[in-house]
């Protein structure tokens, strides 16, 4: 009897020991680190002439990353600037009318014509007196009268020419030239934008995860040259059972533990999936609801994100 009791006690101790070894925290789940990469490229094609970063390097926001050959874009910008200057000069010319020397020539012609008109008017007065006295024929008087009328008409014409020379262009001309200036200004802005696209800078501070081209290679428009990982784009993804998802909420704190980390990393839940998944695939029933899992994502702070690496397995504990 004593031997049987002793055997039972030993068996119970083994069971309790095994149970204690298999116990785990129900709030801890396995997960992995994931990175949402930023792929830096240019909207323009060209030969890669400068690669300012290397893999594994940390860059600051607005720091130069790479540059493409830009001689054609620089020439196009200079051409656009010259066309804008020409359009503005034409507009100024239309707005001011004729140049002063041109106006002075017309005024000199007007002064000469005025003198001729006075002379013709005096001659007409003398001929009228002579005709009344019977000293000249009617034909000579008619010639004098015609000459006086012609010179008076020339005075009126040249006076009008001086007035017109001082006027700016017509409203339609001014409107058309203003449109030409705006079109030239838009061409300058477009050329500047294309030239700026040949030099790409980091949109934010982050890690240069990879470089995809070498200097001298042709880069097609839109193709990424540098793969970056900003710290705010590092996240942890885990799956929790259906019985737990209802207890979670955005902003809930959790702790991330990784092998080799000096200390655990704090994070907050930023996404809760609204769709369930099966693991492993089974036919749904009330009996196997425990196999339903929901995806959860959490982001650590930017300062702690550098301690984690994409693909790294972690243990996540809910707080």
C-alpha atoms as a PDB file:
ATOM      1  CA  UNK A   1       0.000   0.000   0.000  1.00  0.00           C
ATOM      2  CA  UNK A   2       2.794   2.362   0.799  1.00  0.00           C
ATOM      3  CA  UNK A   3       4.560   1.407  -2.421  1.00  0.00           C
ATOM      4  CA  UNK A   4       1.362   2.079  -4.440  1.00  0.00           C
ATOM      5  CA  UNK A   5       0.868   5.478  -2.792  1.00  0.00           C
ATOM      6  CA  UNK A   6       4.469   6.421  -3.471  1.00  0.00           C
ATOM      7  CA  UNK A   7       4.044   5.470  -7.150  1.00  0.00           C
ATOM      8  CA  UNK A   8       0.897   7.595  -7.428  1.00  0.00           C
ATOM      9  CA  UNK A   9       2.634  10.596  -5.914  1.00  0.00           C
ATOM     10  CA  UNK A  10       5.517  10.280  -8.381  1.00  0.00           C
ATOM     11  CA  UNK A  11       3.107  10.021 -11.312  1.00  0.00           C
ATOM     12  CA  UNK A  12       1.254  13.137 -10.165  1.00  0.00           C
ATOM     13  CA  UNK A  13       4.532  15.043  -9.859  1.00  0.00           C
ATOM     14  CA  UNK A  14       5.526  14.162 -13.417  1.00  0.00           C
ATOM     15  CA  UNK A  15       2.149  15.269 -14.768  1.00  0.00           C
ATOM     16  CA  UNK A  16       2.296  18.576 -12.914  1.00  0.00           C
ATOM     17  CA  UNK A  17       5.866  19.133 -14.065  1.00  0.00           C
ATOM     18  CA  UNK A  18       4.959  18.543 -17.707  1.00  0.00           C
ATOM     19  CA  UNK A  19       1.942  20.793 -17.403  1.00  0.00           C
ATOM     20  CA  UNK A  20       4.090  23.553 -15.954  1.00  0.00           C
ATOM     21  CA  UNK A  21       6.590  23.218 -18.783  1.00  0.00           C
ATOM     22  CA  UNK A  22       3.903  23.452 -21.463  1.00  0.00           C
ATOM     23  CA  UNK A  23       2.234  26.560 -19.972  1.00  0.00           C
ATOM     24  CA  UNK A  24       2.469  29.796 -21.972  1.00  0.00           C
ATOM     25  CA  UNK A  25       1.139  33.323 -21.680  1.00  0.00           C
ATOM     26  CA  UNK A  26      -2.241  33.533 -23.408  1.00  0.00           C
ATOM     27  CA  UNK A  27      -1.524  37.191 -24.324  1.00  0.00           C
ATOM     28  CA  UNK A  28       1.638  36.374 -26.320  1.00  0.00           C
ATOM     29  CA  UNK A  29       1.490  35.575 -30.018  1.00  0.00           C
ATOM     30  CA  UNK A  30       4.028  34.905 -32.713  1.00  0.00           C
ATOM     31  CA  UNK A  31       4.471  37.519 -35.412  1.00  0.00           C
ATOM     32  CA  UNK A  32       6.990  38.918 -37.856  1.00  0.00           C
ATOM     33  CA  UNK A  33       8.399  42.291 -38.857  1.00  0.00           C
ATOM     34  CA  UNK A  34       7.373  43.779 -42.174  1.00  0.00           C
ATOM     35  CA  UNK A  35       8.516  46.886 -44.033  1.00  0.00           C
ATOM     36  CA  UNK A  36       6.495  49.084 -46.368  1.00  0.00           C
ATOM     37  CA  UNK A  37       9.234  50.099 -48.783  1.00  0.00           C
ATOM     38  CA  UNK A  38       9.416  53.372 -50.688  1.00  0.00           C
ATOM     39  CA  UNK A  39      10.735  53.010 -54.233  1.00  0.00           C
ATOM     40  CA  UNK A  40      12.438  56.177 -55.488  1.00  0.00           C
ATOM     41  CA  UNK A  41      12.428  56.769 -59.237  1.00  0.00           C
ATOM     42  CA  UNK A  42      12.128  59.570 -61.776  1.00  0.00           C
ATOM     43  CA  UNK A  43       9.328  60.437 -64.150  1.00  0.00           C
ATOM     44  CA  UNK A  44      11.996  61.019 -66.829  1.00  0.00           C
ATOM     45  CA  UNK A  45      14.313  58.567 -68.544  1.00  0.00           C
ATOM     46  CA  UNK A  46      18.081  58.980 -68.654  1.00  0.00           C
ATOM     47  CA  UNK A  47      21.511  57.602 -67.874  1.00  0.00           C
ATOM     48  CA  UNK A  48      22.328  57.295 -64.187  1.00  0.00           C
ATOM     49  CA  UNK A  49      25.205  59.732 -63.639  1.00  0.00           C
ATOM     50  CA  UNK A  50      25.285  59.933 -59.842  1.00  0.00           C
ATOM     51  CA  UNK A  51      24.325  57.527 -57.063  1.00  0.00           C
ATOM     52  CA  UNK A  52      24.852  59.317 -53.768  1.00  0.00           C
ATOM     53  CA  UNK A  53      23.839  56.500 -51.385  1.00  0.00           C
ATOM     54  CA  UNK A  54      24.770  52.906 -50.652  1.00  0.00           C
ATOM     55  CA  UNK A  55      22.877  49.965 -49.221  1.00  0.00           C
ATOM     56  CA  UNK A  56      22.554  50.097 -45.451  1.00  0.00           C
ATOM     57  CA  UNK A  57      23.088  53.839 -45.290  1.00  0.00           C
ATOM     58  CA  UNK A  58      20.719  56.064 -43.337  1.00  0.00           C
ATOM     59  CA  UNK A  59      19.813  59.278 -45.134  1.00  0.00           C
ATOM     60  CA  UNK A  60      18.076  62.442 -43.968  1.00  0.00           C
ATOM     61  CA  UNK A  61      15.018  64.020 -45.528  1.00  0.00           C
ATOM     62  CA  UNK A  62      15.783  66.045 -48.701  1.00  0.00           C
ATOM     63  CA  UNK A  63      19.262  64.521 -48.945  1.00  0.00           C
ATOM     64  CA  UNK A  64      20.293  63.861 -52.606  1.00  0.00           C
ATOM     65  CA  UNK A  65      19.887  60.221 -53.588  1.00  0.00           C
ATOM     66  CA  UNK A  66      20.620  59.963 -57.310  1.00  0.00           C
ATOM     67  CA  UNK A  67      20.800  62.022 -60.497  1.00  0.00           C
ATOM     68  CA  UNK A  68      20.217  61.321 -64.181  1.00  0.00           C
ATOM     69  CA  UNK A  69      21.890  62.952 -67.189  1.00  0.00           C
ATOM     70  CA  UNK A  70      20.125  66.292 -67.770  1.00  0.00           C
ATOM     71  CA  UNK A  71      21.856  68.165 -70.628  1.00  0.00           C
ATOM     72  CA  UNK A  72      18.767  68.016 -72.863  1.00  0.00           C
ATOM     73  CA  UNK A  73      16.452  69.276 -70.108  1.00  0.00           C
ATOM     74  CA  UNK A  74      18.839  72.125 -69.234  1.00  0.00           C
ATOM     75  CA  UNK A  75      18.938  73.221 -72.888  1.00  0.00           C
ATOM     76  CA  UNK A  76      15.140  73.054 -73.104  1.00  0.00           C
ATOM     77  CA  UNK A  77      14.869  75.267 -70.013  1.00  0.00           C
ATOM     78  CA  UNK A  78      17.234  77.849 -71.492  1.00  0.00           C
ATOM     79  CA  UNK A  79      15.224  77.851 -74.724  1.00  0.00           C
ATOM     80  CA  UNK A  80      11.995  78.362 -72.779  1.00  0.00           C
ATOM     81  CA  UNK A  81      13.544  81.313 -70.899  1.00  0.00           C
ATOM     82  CA  UNK A  82      14.576  82.957 -74.169  1.00  0.00           C
ATOM     83  CA  UNK A  83      11.118  82.475 -75.675  1.00  0.00           C
ATOM     84  CA  UNK A  84       9.559  84.053 -72.601  1.00  0.00           C
ATOM     85  CA  UNK A  85      11.894  87.052 -72.870  1.00  0.00           C
ATOM     86  CA  UNK A  86      10.976  87.484 -76.557  1.00  0.00           C
ATOM     87  CA  UNK A  87       7.246  87.311 -75.805  1.00  0.00           C
ATOM     88  CA  UNK A  88       7.582  89.904 -73.034  1.00  0.00           C
ATOM     89  CA  UNK A  89       9.565  92.232 -75.314  1.00  0.00           C
ATOM     90  CA  UNK A  90       6.890  91.992 -78.018  1.00  0.00           C
ATOM     91  CA  UNK A  91       4.213  92.777 -75.467  1.00  0.00           C
ATOM     92  CA  UNK A  92       6.129  95.840 -74.254  1.00  0.00           C
ATOM     93  CA  UNK A  93       6.550  97.003 -77.851  1.00  0.00           C
ATOM     94  CA  UNK A  94       2.818  96.718 -78.524  1.00  0.00           C
ATOM     95  CA  UNK A  95       1.964  98.536 -75.306  1.00  0.00           C
ATOM     96  CA  UNK A  96       4.191 101.555 -76.024  1.00  0.00           C
ATOM     97  CA  UNK A  97       3.346 102.139 -79.701  1.00  0.00           C
ATOM     98  CA  UNK A  98       6.058 103.254 -82.177  1.00  0.00           C
ATOM     99  CA  UNK A  99       9.549 104.224 -81.086  1.00  0.00           C
ATOM    100  CA  UNK A 100      10.311 107.887 -80.446  1.00  0.00           C
ATOM    101  CA  UNK A 101      12.598 108.304 -83.540  1.00  0.00           C
ATOM    102  CA  UNK A 102       9.796 106.944 -85.752  1.00  0.00           C
ATOM    103  CA  UNK A 103       7.327 109.413 -84.242  1.00  0.00           C
ATOM    104  CA  UNK A 104       9.838 112.263 -84.727  1.00  0.00           C
ATOM    105  CA  UNK A 105      10.111 111.468 -88.443  1.00  0.00           C
ATOM    106  CA  UNK A 106       6.340 111.730 -88.824  1.00  0.00           C
ATOM    107  CA  UNK A 107       6.305 114.974 -86.843  1.00  0.00           C
ATOM    108  CA  UNK A 108       8.993 116.451 -89.132  1.00  0.00           C
ATOM    109  CA  UNK A 109       6.924 115.526 -92.166  1.00  0.00           C
ATOM    110  CA  UNK A 110       3.934 117.153 -90.516  1.00  0.00           C
ATOM    111  CA  UNK A 111       5.874 120.389 -89.885  1.00  0.00           C
ATOM    112  CA  UNK A 112       6.971 120.498 -93.521  1.00  0.00           C
ATOM    113  CA  UNK A 113       3.443 119.930 -94.723  1.00  0.00           C
ATOM    114  CA  UNK A 114       2.094 122.641 -92.421  1.00  0.00           C
ATOM    115  CA  UNK A 115       4.577 125.091 -93.940  1.00  0.00           C
ATOM    116  CA  UNK A 116       3.535 124.087 -97.437  1.00  0.00           C
ATOM    117  CA  UNK A 117      -0.116 124.499 -96.446  1.00  0.00           C
ATOM    118  CA  UNK A 118       0.512 128.039 -95.209  1.00  0.00           C
ATOM    119  CA  UNK A 119       2.332 128.883 -98.426  1.00  0.00           C
ATOM    120  CA  UNK A 120      -0.506 127.445-100.511  1.00  0.00           C
ATOM    121  CA  UNK A 121      -3.094 129.368 -98.475  1.00  0.00           C
ATOM    122  CA  UNK A 122      -1.222 132.662 -99.021  1.00  0.00           C
ATOM    123  CA  UNK A 123      -0.901 131.978-102.732  1.00  0.00           C
ATOM    124  CA  UNK A 124      -4.616 131.263-102.922  1.00  0.00           C
ATOM    125  CA  UNK A 125      -5.384 134.589-101.208  1.00  0.00           C
ATOM    126  CA  UNK A 126      -3.197 136.525-103.699  1.00  0.00           C
ATOM    127  CA  UNK A 127      -4.647 134.710-106.700  1.00  0.00           C
ATOM    128  CA  UNK A 128      -8.190 135.421-105.560  1.00  0.00           C
ATOM    129  CA  UNK A 129      -7.363 139.133-105.384  1.00  0.00           C
ATOM    130  CA  UNK A 130      -5.686 139.050-108.778  1.00  0.00           C
ATOM    131  CA  UNK A 131      -8.625 137.212-110.295  1.00  0.00           C
ATOM    132  CA  UNK A 132     -11.088 139.804-108.987  1.00  0.00           C
ATOM    133  CA  UNK A 133      -8.896 142.507-110.546  1.00  0.00           C
ATOM    134  CA  UNK A 134      -8.774 140.595-113.834  1.00  0.00           C
ATOM    135  CA  UNK A 135      -5.055 139.971-113.604  1.00  0.00           C
ATOM    136  CA  UNK A 136      -5.126 136.129-113.872  1.00  0.00           C
ATOM    137  CA  UNK A 137      -7.222 133.541-115.591  1.00  0.00           C
ATOM    138  CA  UNK A 138      -9.827 131.392-113.864  1.00  0.00           C
ATOM    139  CA  UNK A 139      -7.710 128.264-114.453  1.00  0.00           C
ATOM    140  CA  UNK A 140      -4.815 129.653-112.416  1.00  0.00           C
ATOM    141  CA  UNK A 141      -7.165 130.393-109.527  1.00  0.00           C
ATOM    142  CA  UNK A 142      -8.507 126.872-109.648  1.00  0.00           C
ATOM    143  CA  UNK A 143      -4.961 125.479-109.500  1.00  0.00           C
ATOM    144  CA  UNK A 144      -4.167 127.588-106.443  1.00  0.00           C
ATOM    145  CA  UNK A 145      -7.370 126.508-104.710  1.00  0.00           C
ATOM    146  CA  UNK A 146      -6.631 122.806-105.421  1.00  0.00           C
ATOM    147  CA  UNK A 147      -3.079 123.139-104.120  1.00  0.00           C
ATOM    148  CA  UNK A 148      -4.322 124.740-100.883  1.00  0.00           C
ATOM    149  CA  UNK A 149      -6.892 121.959-100.375  1.00  0.00           C
ATOM    150  CA  UNK A 150      -4.288 119.231-100.995  1.00  0.00           C
ATOM    151  CA  UNK A 151      -1.786 120.614 -98.526  1.00  0.00           C
ATOM    152  CA  UNK A 152      -4.506 121.054 -95.887  1.00  0.00           C
ATOM    153  CA  UNK A 153      -5.485 117.392 -96.371  1.00  0.00           C
ATOM    154  CA  UNK A 154      -1.863 116.296 -95.978  1.00  0.00           C
ATOM    155  CA  UNK A 155      -1.658 118.229 -92.703  1.00  0.00           C
ATOM    156  CA  UNK A 156      -4.735 116.411 -91.415  1.00  0.00           C
ATOM    157  CA  UNK A 157      -3.323 113.022 -92.528  1.00  0.00           C
ATOM    158  CA  UNK A 158       0.069 113.471 -90.880  1.00  0.00           C
ATOM    159  CA  UNK A 159      -1.547 114.799 -87.697  1.00  0.00           C
ATOM    160  CA  UNK A 160      -3.580 111.581 -87.510  1.00  0.00           C
ATOM    161  CA  UNK A 161      -0.449 109.501 -88.149  1.00  0.00           C
ATOM    162  CA  UNK A 162       1.309 111.117 -85.187  1.00  0.00           C
ATOM    163  CA  UNK A 163      -1.684 110.399 -82.948  1.00  0.00           C
ATOM    164  CA  UNK A 164      -1.824 106.749 -84.094  1.00  0.00           C
ATOM    165  CA  UNK A 165       1.930 106.294 -83.575  1.00  0.00           C
ATOM    166  CA  UNK A 166       1.541 107.289 -79.942  1.00  0.00           C
ATOM    167  CA  UNK A 167      -1.278 104.791 -79.315  1.00  0.00           C
ATOM    168  CA  UNK A 168      -0.613 101.272 -77.906  1.00  0.00           C
ATOM    169  CA  UNK A 169      -1.707  98.175 -79.851  1.00  0.00           C
ATOM    170  CA  UNK A 170      -5.306  97.259 -80.279  1.00  0.00           C
ATOM    171  CA  UNK A 171      -7.091  95.373 -77.510  1.00  0.00           C
ATOM    172  CA  UNK A 172      -7.101  92.190 -79.569  1.00  0.00           C
ATOM    173  CA  UNK A 173      -3.361  92.462 -80.228  1.00  0.00           C
ATOM    174  CA  UNK A 174      -2.630  93.030 -76.547  1.00  0.00           C
ATOM    175  CA  UNK A 175      -4.820  90.081 -75.572  1.00  0.00           C
ATOM    176  CA  UNK A 176      -3.119  87.788 -78.074  1.00  0.00           C
ATOM    177  CA  UNK A 177       0.356  88.820 -76.962  1.00  0.00           C
ATOM    178  CA  UNK A 178      -0.549  88.435 -73.281  1.00  0.00           C
ATOM    179  CA  UNK A 179      -1.608  84.874 -74.098  1.00  0.00           C
ATOM    180  CA  UNK A 180       1.768  84.295 -75.785  1.00  0.00           C
ATOM    181  CA  UNK A 181       3.542  85.496 -72.636  1.00  0.00           C
ATOM    182  CA  UNK A 182       1.499  83.164 -70.423  1.00  0.00           C
ATOM    183  CA  UNK A 183       2.167  80.240 -72.769  1.00  0.00           C
ATOM    184  CA  UNK A 184       5.901  80.967 -72.645  1.00  0.00           C
ATOM    185  CA  UNK A 185       5.773  81.188 -68.837  1.00  0.00           C
ATOM    186  CA  UNK A 186       4.034  77.800 -68.683  1.00  0.00           C
ATOM    187  CA  UNK A 187       6.709  76.336 -70.970  1.00  0.00           C
ATOM    188  CA  UNK A 188       9.391  77.592 -68.565  1.00  0.00           C
ATOM    189  CA  UNK A 189       7.604  75.971 -65.608  1.00  0.00           C
ATOM    190  CA  UNK A 190       7.302  72.693 -67.494  1.00  0.00           C
ATOM    191  CA  UNK A 191      10.976  72.732 -68.467  1.00  0.00           C
ATOM    192  CA  UNK A 192      11.983  73.506 -64.878  1.00  0.00           C
ATOM    193  CA  UNK A 193       9.874  70.599 -63.597  1.00  0.00           C
ATOM    194  CA  UNK A 194      11.411  68.154 -66.091  1.00  0.00           C
ATOM    195  CA  UNK A 195      14.900  69.293 -65.121  1.00  0.00           C
ATOM    196  CA  UNK A 196      14.111  68.935 -61.405  1.00  0.00           C
ATOM    197  CA  UNK A 197      12.948  65.352 -62.030  1.00  0.00           C
ATOM    198  CA  UNK A 198      16.490  64.417 -63.039  1.00  0.00           C
ATOM    199  CA  UNK A 199      17.631  64.851 -59.423  1.00  0.00           C
ATOM    200  CA  UNK A 200      15.810  62.847 -56.755  1.00  0.00           C
ATOM    201  CA  UNK A 201      16.095  63.424 -52.997  1.00  0.00           C
ATOM    202  CA  UNK A 202      14.926  61.383 -50.042  1.00  0.00           C
ATOM    203  CA  UNK A 203      11.292  62.195 -49.170  1.00  0.00           C
ATOM    204  CA  UNK A 204      11.955  61.398 -45.504  1.00  0.00           C
ATOM    205  CA  UNK A 205      14.630  60.085 -43.178  1.00  0.00           C
ATOM    206  CA  UNK A 206      15.155  56.387 -43.596  1.00  0.00           C
ATOM    207  CA  UNK A 207      17.325  53.392 -44.402  1.00  0.00           C
ATOM    208  CA  UNK A 208      18.598  52.736 -47.918  1.00  0.00           C
ATOM    209  CA  UNK A 209      17.485  49.119 -48.178  1.00  0.00           C
ATOM    210  CA  UNK A 210      18.825  48.498 -51.680  1.00  0.00           C
ATOM    211  CA  UNK A 211      20.087  50.196 -54.855  1.00  0.00           C
ATOM    212  CA  UNK A 212      18.750  48.769 -58.093  1.00  0.00           C
ATOM    213  CA  UNK A 213      20.971  50.444 -60.742  1.00  0.00           C
ATOM    214  CA  UNK A 214      24.644  51.269 -61.220  1.00  0.00           C
ATOM    215  CA  UNK A 215      26.150  54.506 -62.515  1.00  0.00           C
ATOM    216  CA  UNK A 216      26.215  54.474 -66.305  1.00  0.00           C
ATOM    217  CA  UNK A 217      23.106  52.344 -66.749  1.00  0.00           C
ATOM    218  CA  UNK A 218      20.026  53.588 -68.604  1.00  0.00           C
ATOM    219  CA  UNK A 219      17.023  54.098 -66.347  1.00  0.00           C
ATOM    220  CA  UNK A 220      13.590  53.972 -67.899  1.00  0.00           C
ATOM    221  CA  UNK A 221      11.029  56.525 -66.706  1.00  0.00           C
ATOM    222  CA  UNK A 222       9.195  55.284 -63.640  1.00  0.00           C
ATOM    223  CA  UNK A 223      11.675  52.537 -62.758  1.00  0.00           C
ATOM    224  CA  UNK A 224      12.859  52.648 -59.121  1.00  0.00           C
ATOM    225  CA  UNK A 225      16.545  53.298 -58.559  1.00  0.00           C
ATOM    226  CA  UNK A 226      16.679  53.210 -54.755  1.00  0.00           C
ATOM    227  CA  UNK A 227      14.592  51.174 -52.295  1.00  0.00           C
ATOM    228  CA  UNK A 228      14.109  53.000 -49.000  1.00  0.00           C
ATOM    229  CA  UNK A 229      12.570  52.043 -45.681  1.00  0.00           C
ATOM    230  CA  UNK A 230      11.535  55.004 -43.497  1.00  0.00           C
ATOM    231  CA  UNK A 231      11.319  54.006 -39.816  1.00  0.00           C
ATOM    232  CA  UNK A 232       7.628  54.896 -39.649  1.00  0.00           C
ATOM    233  CA  UNK A 233       7.003  52.241 -42.316  1.00  0.00           C
ATOM    234  CA  UNK A 234       8.256  49.384 -40.119  1.00  0.00           C
ATOM    235  CA  UNK A 235       5.422  47.354 -38.644  1.00  0.00           C
ATOM    236  CA  UNK A 236       4.726  44.061 -36.914  1.00  0.00           C
ATOM    237  CA  UNK A 237       2.095  41.673 -38.233  1.00  0.00           C
ATOM    238  CA  UNK A 238       0.522  38.926 -36.143  1.00  0.00           C
ATOM    239  CA  UNK A 239      -2.607  36.787 -36.101  1.00  0.00           C
ATOM    240  CA  UNK A 240      -4.859  36.413 -33.088  1.00  0.00           C
ATOM    241  CA  UNK A 241      -7.714  33.941 -32.488  1.00  0.00           C
ATOM    242  CA  UNK A 242     -11.328  34.837 -33.051  1.00  0.00           C
ATOM    243  CA  UNK A 243     -11.866  34.805 -29.289  1.00  0.00           C
ATOM    244  CA  UNK A 244      -9.336  37.642 -28.823  1.00  0.00           C
ATOM    245  CA  UNK A 245     -10.042  40.023 -31.714  1.00  0.00           C
ATOM    246  CA  UNK A 246     -13.151  41.441 -30.011  1.00  0.00           C
ATOM    247  CA  UNK A 247     -11.074  42.596 -27.061  1.00  0.00           C
ATOM    248  CA  UNK A 248      -8.626  44.599 -29.162  1.00  0.00           C
ATOM    249  CA  UNK A 249      -8.882  48.213 -30.298  1.00  0.00           C
ATOM    250  CA  UNK A 250      -6.751  50.625 -32.277  1.00  0.00           C
ATOM    251  CA  UNK A 251      -4.118  52.264 -30.148  1.00  0.00           C
ATOM    252  CA  UNK A 252      -3.819  49.398 -27.668  1.00  0.00           C
ATOM    253  CA  UNK A 253      -0.269  48.951 -26.429  1.00  0.00           C
ATOM    254  CA  UNK A 254       1.754  45.795 -26.910  1.00  0.00           C
ATOM    255  CA  UNK A 255       5.331  44.680 -26.409  1.00  0.00           C
ATOM    256  CA  UNK A 256       7.578  43.186 -29.068  1.00  0.00           C
ATOM    257  CA  UNK A 257      10.293  40.728 -28.089  1.00  0.00           C
ATOM    258  CA  UNK A 258      12.921  39.615 -30.593  1.00  0.00           C
ATOM    259  CA  UNK A 259      15.944  37.340 -30.306  1.00  0.00           C
ATOM    260  CA  UNK A 260      19.112  39.305 -29.640  1.00  0.00           C
ATOM    261  CA  UNK A 261      17.299  42.549 -28.801  1.00  0.00           C
ATOM    262  CA  UNK A 262      18.693  44.326 -25.763  1.00  0.00           C
ATOM    263  CA  UNK A 263      15.197  45.233 -24.604  1.00  0.00           C
ATOM    264  CA  UNK A 264      11.619  44.736 -25.666  1.00  0.00           C
ATOM    265  CA  UNK A 265      10.121  47.274 -28.070  1.00  0.00           C
ATOM    266  CA  UNK A 266       6.827  49.034 -27.364  1.00  0.00           C
ATOM    267  CA  UNK A 267       4.238  49.434 -30.114  1.00  0.00           C
ATOM    268  CA  UNK A 268       0.580  50.268 -30.664  1.00  0.00           C
ATOM    269  CA  UNK A 269      -2.058  48.531 -32.732  1.00  0.00           C
ATOM    270  CA  UNK A 270      -2.715  50.471 -35.937  1.00  0.00           C
ATOM    271  CA  UNK A 271      -4.845  48.000 -37.913  1.00  0.00           C
ATOM    272  CA  UNK A 272      -7.367  45.267 -37.158  1.00  0.00           C
ATOM    273  CA  UNK A 273      -8.517  43.085 -40.022  1.00  0.00           C
ATOM    274  CA  UNK A 274     -12.258  42.887 -40.558  1.00  0.00           C
ATOM    275  CA  UNK A 275     -12.027  39.548 -42.339  1.00  0.00           C
ATOM    276  CA  UNK A 276     -11.315  36.196 -40.711  1.00  0.00           C
ATOM    277  CA  UNK A 277      -8.855  33.625 -42.030  1.00  0.00           C
ATOM    278  CA  UNK A 278      -8.467  29.897 -41.424  1.00  0.00           C
ATOM    279  CA  UNK A 279      -5.264  28.303 -40.269  1.00  0.00           C
ATOM    280  CA  UNK A 280      -5.122  25.580 -41.326  1.00  0.00           C
ATOM    281  CA  UNK A 281      -7.945  25.643 -43.926  1.00  0.00           C
ATOM    282  CA  UNK A 282     -11.015  23.915 -42.504  1.00  0.00           C
ATOM    283  CA  UNK A 283     -14.750  23.910 -43.032  1.00  0.00           C
ATOM    284  CA  UNK A 284     -16.317  26.432 -40.679  1.00  0.00           C
ATOM    285  CA  UNK A 285     -18.453  25.151 -37.876  1.00  0.00           C
ATOM    286  CA  UNK A 286     -19.178  26.081 -34.279  1.00  0.00           C
ATOM    287  CA  UNK A 287     -16.769  23.365 -33.169  1.00  0.00           C
ATOM    288  CA  UNK A 288     -13.720  24.807 -34.968  1.00  0.00           C
ATOM    289  CA  UNK A 289     -14.251  28.553 -34.366  1.00  0.00           C
ATOM    290  CA  UNK A 290     -11.013  28.497 -32.413  1.00  0.00           C
ATOM    291  CA  UNK A 291      -9.163  28.041 -35.700  1.00  0.00           C
ATOM    292  CA  UNK A 292     -10.415  31.398 -37.005  1.00  0.00           C
ATOM    293  CA  UNK A 293      -7.710  34.067 -36.846  1.00  0.00           C
ATOM    294  CA  UNK A 294      -7.633  37.797 -37.594  1.00  0.00           C
ATOM    295  CA  UNK A 295      -4.643  39.782 -38.793  1.00  0.00           C
ATOM    296  CA  UNK A 296      -3.386  42.580 -36.543  1.00  0.00           C
ATOM    297  CA  UNK A 297      -0.758  45.195 -37.384  1.00  0.00           C
ATOM    298  CA  UNK A 298       1.151  47.386 -34.951  1.00  0.00           C
ATOM    299  CA  UNK A 299       3.704  50.146 -35.419  1.00  0.00           C
ATOM    300  CA  UNK A 300       6.541  50.918 -32.997  1.00  0.00           C
ATOM    301  CA  UNK A 301       7.862  54.427 -32.596  1.00  0.00           C
ATOM    302  CA  UNK A 302      10.302  55.683 -35.215  1.00  0.00           C
ATOM    303  CA  UNK A 303      13.122  55.597 -32.658  1.00  0.00           C
ATOM    304  CA  UNK A 304      12.472  51.922 -31.850  1.00  0.00           C
ATOM    305  CA  UNK A 305      11.734  50.857 -35.426  1.00  0.00           C
ATOM    306  CA  UNK A 306      15.438  50.833 -36.303  1.00  0.00           C
ATOM    307  CA  UNK A 307      15.899  47.923 -33.883  1.00  0.00           C
ATOM    308  CA  UNK A 308      13.677  45.687 -36.014  1.00  0.00           C
ATOM    309  CA  UNK A 309      14.310  44.157 -39.439  1.00  0.00           C
ATOM    310  CA  UNK A 310      11.821  43.024 -42.105  1.00  0.00           C
ATOM    311  CA  UNK A 311      11.265  39.276 -42.005  1.00  0.00           C
ATOM    312  CA  UNK A 312      12.418  38.973 -38.406  1.00  0.00           C
ATOM    313  CA  UNK A 313      10.231  36.651 -36.238  1.00  0.00           C
ATOM    314  CA  UNK A 314       9.063  38.202 -32.970  1.00  0.00           C
ATOM    315  CA  UNK A 315       6.900  37.436 -29.982  1.00  0.00           C
ATOM    316  CA  UNK A 316       4.154  39.987 -29.341  1.00  0.00           C
ATOM    317  CA  UNK A 317       2.541  40.406 -25.919  1.00  0.00           C
ATOM    318  CA  UNK A 318      -0.698  42.322 -25.523  1.00  0.00           C
ATOM    319  CA  UNK A 319      -0.783  44.826 -22.683  1.00  0.00           C
END
